[in-house]
Amino acid sequence: MLATVLFLAMVAVISGCSSEQYIVLDPKGPIGQHQKDLIIISTVLCAIIIVPVLILTAIIVWRYRDRPGRKASYKPDWEHNTKLEVTWWSIPIVIILVLAIVTVNYTYKLEPSKALESEKEPITIEVTSLDWKWLFTYPGEDIATVNYIKIPEDTPVRFQLTSDKAMNSFWIPQLGGQLYTMSGMAMTLYLQADEPGSYYGSGANFNGEDFAQMTFRAEAVSDEEYDAWVQEVKGSSPALTLDGYETLKQPGRSDVQLFSSFPEGLFQYIVTQYVEDGSGGAHAHHGQSGKSANNGDSGH
């Protein structure tokens, strides 16, 4: 019975938690909602096995405990019961098969690089993880930010992810699952915010001294507010130069920064900077715009 009480207490605690504490269970986009559904389905299917096992364990331990004056018959040669064997093997097998089918279905449905169905054209944001900060470049708008992104609501966002050095993991829990950023690679992740709001984002990978400070805010606003913000950044913020980027990528924390422009092809330069065969290198960004560097299928 103790196991039952502990399980019910756990359910009560989880059900009473606020969305601020368990933001994964408070999705604000289609990907996050599908992933929440998968979590719930998997938990329920596993509970069908785990809860009865915990209850039976408590009952068996209590019922068959050693105590004075016991009169139960001793049957040392009993070792098999076909009905019981079929019962406790068939139920888990069926549940595992159902869980496998559900997981495979959601795995294909939630492929990170799969474009989201929408009447709106997606916007592109290039994401670079640095030590210990995030650089976001908008090739379509020709602006850049550090530790902050703003996106239009109800619009698919195509994130292109890479890392300048150490591997990290890009994660906005309320919008969808994490995806790794890796040096020399450009990964694609589609997310969408269905409603306005300010959403917590972070690096979900241990990568050094200040990894805990690699957090950012993703703010979803209306199309009009987004366009106004882009124009404000372009009109009131300094430009990000190559020298500025070299300084920015030095290890250390950073506050939010906004830039009115960034060097052409910066993202492609970051991805290919460690290539040794001559196809990349320090001047690979010349002659390519930020937009053209992103439009290619650079997922490796």
Protein backbone atom coordinates (compact mmCIF):
# COMPACT_ATOMS: atom_id res chain seq x y z
CA MET A 1 0.00 0.00 0.00
CA LEU A 2 2.94 2.29 0.59
CA ALA A 3 3.78 2.20 -3.12
CA THR A 4 0.22 3.20 -3.97
CA VAL A 5 0.32 6.11 -1.55
CA LEU A 6 3.64 7.32 -2.95
CA PHE A 7 2.34 7.13 -6.51
CA LEU A 8 -0.84 9.05 -5.69
CA ALA A 9 1.23 11.67 -3.85
CA MET A 10 3.47 12.06 -6.91
CA VAL A 11 0.44 12.54 -9.18
CA ALA A 12 -0.98 15.16 -6.81
CA VAL A 13 2.28 17.08 -6.70
CA ILE A 14 2.66 17.08 -10.50
CA SER A 15 -0.95 18.10 -11.09
CA GLY A 16 -0.60 20.99 -8.67
CA CYS A 17 2.59 22.40 -10.16
CA SER A 18 2.44 25.69 -12.02
CA SER A 19 3.39 26.03 -15.68
CA GLU A 20 6.38 28.16 -14.66
CA GLN A 21 7.91 25.12 -12.95
CA TYR A 22 6.99 22.55 -15.59
CA ILE A 23 7.05 24.53 -18.81
CA VAL A 24 7.51 21.41 -20.92
CA LEU A 25 3.94 20.50 -19.95
CA ASP A 26 2.68 23.95 -20.98
CA PRO A 27 3.41 23.99 -24.74
CA LYS A 28 2.72 27.07 -26.86
CA GLY A 29 3.38 25.64 -30.32
CA PRO A 30 2.48 22.61 -32.48
CA ILE A 31 5.78 20.80 -31.94
CA GLY A 32 5.66 21.29 -28.18
CA GLN A 33 2.04 20.09 -28.09
CA HIS A 34 2.84 16.90 -30.03
CA GLN A 35 5.76 16.21 -27.71
CA LYS A 36 3.54 16.72 -24.66
CA ASP A 37 1.05 14.25 -26.12
CA LEU A 38 3.84 11.71 -26.59
CA ILE A 39 5.00 12.21 -22.98
CA ILE A 40 1.47 11.65 -21.65
CA ILE A 41 0.80 8.59 -23.85
CA SER A 42 4.15 7.01 -22.89
CA THR A 43 3.58 7.72 -19.19
CA VAL A 44 0.09 6.19 -19.22
CA LEU A 45 1.26 3.08 -21.09
CA CYS A 46 4.16 2.59 -18.68
CA ALA A 47 1.87 3.20 -15.70
CA ILE A 48 -0.35 0.31 -16.83
CA ILE A 49 2.60 -1.96 -16.02
CA ILE A 50 4.33 -0.09 -13.23
CA VAL A 51 1.33 0.71 -10.99
CA PRO A 52 -0.01 -2.87 -10.75
CA VAL A 53 3.52 -4.19 -10.20
CA LEU A 54 4.10 -1.74 -7.34
CA ILE A 55 0.74 -2.57 -5.79
CA LEU A 56 1.29 -6.34 -6.11
CA THR A 57 4.80 -6.00 -4.69
CA ALA A 58 3.44 -4.30 -1.57
CA ILE A 59 0.65 -6.86 -1.23
CA ILE A 60 2.97 -9.84 -1.67
CA VAL A 61 5.54 -8.51 0.78
CA TRP A 62 2.83 -7.94 3.37
CA ARG A 63 0.77 -11.09 2.70
CA TYR A 64 3.66 -13.54 2.62
CA ARG A 65 5.90 -12.03 5.26
CA ASP A 66 7.40 -14.32 7.85
CA ARG A 67 5.45 -14.13 11.14
CA PRO A 68 4.93 -16.29 14.23
CA GLY A 69 2.20 -18.93 14.06
CA ARG A 70 1.96 -19.00 10.27
CA LYS A 71 -0.04 -21.94 8.85
CA ALA A 72 0.52 -21.54 5.11
CA SER A 73 1.46 -24.74 3.32
CA TYR A 74 5.03 -25.11 2.14
CA LYS A 75 5.30 -25.96 -1.58
CA PRO A 76 8.98 -25.92 -2.60
CA ASP A 77 8.37 -27.77 -5.88
CA TRP A 78 5.83 -25.30 -7.33
CA GLU A 79 7.46 -23.45 -10.20
CA HIS A 80 5.04 -22.94 -13.08
CA ASN A 81 1.52 -21.76 -13.85
CA THR A 82 0.60 -21.39 -17.51
CA LYS A 83 -2.21 -18.90 -16.94
CA LEU A 84 -0.07 -16.63 -14.81
CA GLU A 85 2.87 -16.86 -17.21
CA VAL A 86 0.67 -15.92 -20.17
CA THR A 87 -0.85 -13.03 -18.22
CA TRP A 88 2.31 -11.35 -16.98
CA TRP A 89 4.15 -11.80 -20.28
CA SER A 90 1.39 -10.92 -22.76
CA ILE A 91 0.37 -7.63 -21.15
CA PRO A 92 3.88 -6.07 -21.22
CA ILE A 93 4.48 -7.37 -24.75
CA VAL A 94 1.28 -5.76 -26.03
CA ILE A 95 2.07 -2.48 -24.29
CA ILE A 96 5.62 -2.45 -25.66
CA LEU A 97 4.29 -3.00 -29.18
CA VAL A 98 1.77 -0.17 -28.77
CA LEU A 99 4.45 2.10 -27.34
CA ALA A 100 6.79 1.23 -30.23
CA ILE A 101 4.14 2.07 -32.83
CA VAL A 102 3.28 5.37 -31.12
CA THR A 103 6.94 6.33 -30.75
CA VAL A 104 7.80 5.56 -34.39
CA ASN A 105 4.77 7.55 -35.57
CA TYR A 106 5.71 10.59 -33.50
CA THR A 107 9.38 10.26 -34.43
CA TYR A 108 8.57 10.74 -38.12
CA LYS A 109 5.94 13.38 -37.37
CA LEU A 110 8.40 15.40 -35.27
CA GLU A 111 11.43 15.18 -37.58
CA PRO A 112 13.24 18.48 -36.71
CA SER A 113 14.01 19.44 -40.32
CA LYS A 114 10.47 18.79 -41.54
CA ALA A 115 8.79 22.06 -42.57
CA LEU A 116 5.63 22.98 -40.69
CA GLU A 117 2.39 23.29 -42.60
CA SER A 118 1.29 26.92 -42.62
CA GLU A 119 -0.22 29.55 -44.87
CA LYS A 120 2.61 31.87 -43.84
CA GLU A 121 6.13 31.73 -45.22
CA PRO A 122 8.69 30.71 -42.59
CA ILE A 123 11.33 33.11 -41.37
CA THR A 124 14.92 31.97 -40.96
CA ILE A 125 17.08 32.50 -37.89
CA GLU A 126 20.69 31.30 -37.84
CA VAL A 127 21.81 30.18 -34.39
CA THR A 128 25.44 30.01 -33.27
CA SER A 129 26.37 28.76 -29.81
CA LEU A 130 29.40 30.49 -28.33
CA ASP A 131 31.15 30.26 -24.98
CA TRP A 132 28.86 31.17 -23.13
CA LYS A 133 26.27 33.05 -25.14
CA TRP A 134 23.96 32.71 -28.15
CA LEU A 135 24.32 34.62 -31.42
CA PHE A 136 21.22 34.89 -33.62
CA THR A 137 21.42 36.25 -37.16
CA TYR A 138 18.38 37.00 -39.32
CA PRO A 139 19.48 36.67 -42.98
CA GLY A 140 16.14 37.89 -44.34
CA GLU A 141 16.13 41.01 -42.18
CA ASP A 142 19.94 41.52 -42.01
CA ILE A 143 19.95 42.02 -38.24
CA ALA A 144 21.58 40.10 -35.40
CA THR A 145 21.03 39.65 -31.68
CA VAL A 146 22.75 38.09 -28.70
CA ASN A 147 20.81 36.14 -26.07
CA TYR A 148 17.45 37.32 -27.40
CA ILE A 149 15.17 36.52 -30.31
CA LYS A 150 11.87 37.95 -31.43
CA ILE A 151 9.58 36.07 -33.78
CA PRO A 152 6.13 36.65 -35.28
CA GLU A 153 3.38 34.54 -33.73
CA ASP A 154 1.70 31.75 -35.70
CA THR A 155 4.61 31.74 -38.18
CA PRO A 156 7.01 28.82 -38.75
CA VAL A 157 10.61 29.59 -37.81
CA ARG A 158 13.41 27.75 -39.56
CA PHE A 159 16.37 27.65 -37.18
CA GLN A 160 19.76 26.83 -38.67
CA LEU A 161 22.04 25.65 -35.86
CA THR A 162 25.80 25.49 -35.53
CA SER A 163 28.52 26.01 -32.95
CA ASP A 164 31.68 28.04 -33.10
CA LYS A 165 33.55 25.59 -30.88
CA ALA A 166 32.10 23.40 -28.11
CA MET A 167 28.95 21.42 -28.83
CA ASN A 168 25.78 22.63 -27.16
CA SER A 169 22.03 22.04 -27.38
CA PHE A 170 19.46 24.66 -28.41
CA TRP A 171 16.19 24.43 -26.48
CA ILE A 172 12.99 26.45 -26.13
CA PRO A 173 10.95 24.03 -23.98
CA GLN A 174 7.48 25.49 -24.60
CA LEU A 175 7.98 25.47 -28.37
CA GLY A 176 9.68 22.11 -28.88
CA GLY A 177 12.51 19.76 -28.06
CA GLN A 178 16.21 20.41 -28.13
CA LEU A 179 18.61 19.98 -31.02
CA TYR A 180 22.40 19.94 -30.85
CA THR A 181 24.65 22.64 -32.23
CA MET A 182 27.94 21.22 -33.52
CA SER A 183 31.03 22.77 -34.99
CA GLY A 184 31.30 22.30 -38.74
CA MET A 185 27.66 21.29 -39.09
CA ALA A 186 24.41 23.15 -39.76
CA MET A 187 21.31 21.46 -38.36
CA THR A 188 17.74 22.48 -39.18
CA LEU A 189 14.97 22.84 -36.60
CA TYR A 190 11.44 24.08 -37.28
CA LEU A 191 9.45 25.61 -34.42
CA GLN A 192 6.41 27.84 -34.12
CA ALA A 193 4.75 29.91 -31.39
CA ASP A 194 0.96 29.80 -31.65
CA GLU A 195 0.39 32.78 -29.38
CA PRO A 196 2.20 35.88 -28.14
CA GLY A 197 4.42 35.45 -25.14
CA SER A 198 7.92 35.42 -23.72
CA TYR A 199 9.45 31.96 -23.69
CA TYR A 200 12.48 30.67 -21.82
CA GLY A 201 15.36 29.33 -23.91
CA SER A 202 18.67 27.81 -22.89
CA GLY A 203 21.62 25.65 -23.72
CA ALA A 204 20.86 22.10 -22.55
CA ASN A 205 24.42 20.80 -22.59
CA PHE A 206 27.33 21.04 -20.16
CA ASN A 207 30.07 22.99 -21.93
CA GLY A 208 32.22 24.74 -19.39
CA GLU A 209 32.37 27.26 -16.59
CA ASP A 210 29.36 29.45 -17.39
CA PHE A 211 27.12 26.94 -19.17
CA ALA A 212 24.33 27.76 -16.70
CA GLN A 213 24.30 31.37 -17.95
CA MET A 214 23.55 30.37 -21.56
CA THR A 215 19.91 31.39 -21.37
CA PHE A 216 17.85 33.65 -23.60
CA ARG A 217 14.30 34.87 -24.15
CA ALA A 218 12.27 34.06 -27.24
CA GLU A 219 9.50 36.62 -27.59
CA ALA A 220 6.56 35.99 -29.93
CA VAL A 221 4.64 39.06 -31.09
CA SER A 222 2.19 40.08 -33.81
CA ASP A 223 3.40 40.57 -37.38
CA GLU A 224 3.08 44.35 -37.01
CA GLU A 225 5.11 44.40 -33.79
CA TYR A 226 7.74 42.17 -35.35
CA ASP A 227 8.15 44.41 -38.40
CA ALA A 228 8.33 47.48 -36.17
CA TRP A 229 11.00 45.83 -34.00
CA VAL A 230 13.12 44.95 -37.05
CA GLN A 231 13.00 48.55 -38.25
CA GLU A 232 13.85 49.81 -34.76
CA VAL A 233 16.90 47.54 -34.54
CA LYS A 234 18.08 48.56 -38.02
CA GLY A 235 17.71 52.23 -37.17
CA SER A 236 19.11 52.42 -33.66
CA SER A 237 21.67 49.60 -33.18
CA PRO A 238 25.32 49.32 -34.22
CA ALA A 239 26.51 46.94 -36.92
CA LEU A 240 28.21 43.65 -36.08
CA THR A 241 31.59 43.58 -37.83
CA LEU A 242 34.00 40.68 -38.26
CA ASP A 243 36.21 42.20 -35.59
CA GLY A 244 33.16 42.51 -33.39
CA TYR A 245 32.34 38.86 -33.94
CA GLU A 246 35.90 37.81 -33.09
CA THR A 247 35.55 39.70 -29.82
CA LEU A 248 32.07 38.32 -29.17
CA LYS A 249 33.14 34.70 -29.54
CA GLN A 250 35.76 34.96 -26.82
CA PRO A 251 34.74 32.92 -23.74
CA GLY A 252 32.59 34.90 -21.36
CA ARG A 253 29.02 35.85 -20.52
CA SER A 254 27.07 38.55 -22.32
CA ASP A 255 24.01 40.71 -21.84
CA VAL A 256 21.41 41.12 -24.58
CA GLN A 257 22.85 42.86 -27.64
CA LEU A 258 21.21 44.04 -30.88
CA PHE A 259 22.92 44.70 -34.21
CA SER A 260 21.59 46.53 -37.26
CA SER A 261 23.56 44.32 -39.68
CA PHE A 262 26.17 41.57 -39.82
CA PRO A 263 28.86 40.48 -42.31
CA GLU A 264 27.62 38.72 -45.43
CA GLY A 265 27.76 34.92 -45.14
CA LEU A 266 28.78 35.01 -41.48
CA PHE A 267 26.91 31.82 -40.66
CA GLN A 268 28.48 29.92 -43.55
CA TYR A 269 31.89 31.20 -42.50
CA ILE A 270 31.33 29.91 -38.96
CA VAL A 271 30.25 26.49 -40.24
CA THR A 272 33.23 26.07 -42.60
CA GLN A 273 35.96 27.87 -40.67
CA TYR A 274 37.68 24.64 -39.60
CA VAL A 275 37.62 22.99 -43.03
CA GLU A 276 41.18 22.09 -44.06
CA ASP A 277 40.76 21.25 -47.75
CA GLY A 278 40.60 24.85 -48.90
CA SER A 279 36.84 25.00 -49.44
CA GLY A 280 36.32 26.93 -46.21
CA GLY A 281 38.73 29.08 -44.30
CA ALA A 282 38.75 32.60 -43.00
CA HIS A 283 37.54 34.16 -46.26
CA ALA A 284 34.76 31.71 -47.09
CA HIS A 285 32.15 34.34 -46.24
CA HIS A 286 33.14 36.71 -49.02
CA GLY A 287 30.83 36.75 -52.02
CA GLN A 288 27.94 35.02 -50.21
CA SER A 289 25.04 36.77 -48.57
CA GLY A 290 23.65 35.66 -45.25
CA LYS A 291 20.45 34.59 -47.03
CA SER A 292 22.18 32.51 -49.69
CA ALA A 293 24.38 30.82 -47.13
CA ASN A 294 21.27 29.60 -45.37
CA ASN A 295 19.13 28.51 -48.30
CA GLY A 296 21.34 25.55 -49.17
CA ASP A 297 20.66 22.19 -47.60
CA SER A 298 23.47 22.34 -45.07
CA GLY A 299 22.21 19.69 -42.68
CA HIS A 300 24.85 17.04 -42.45
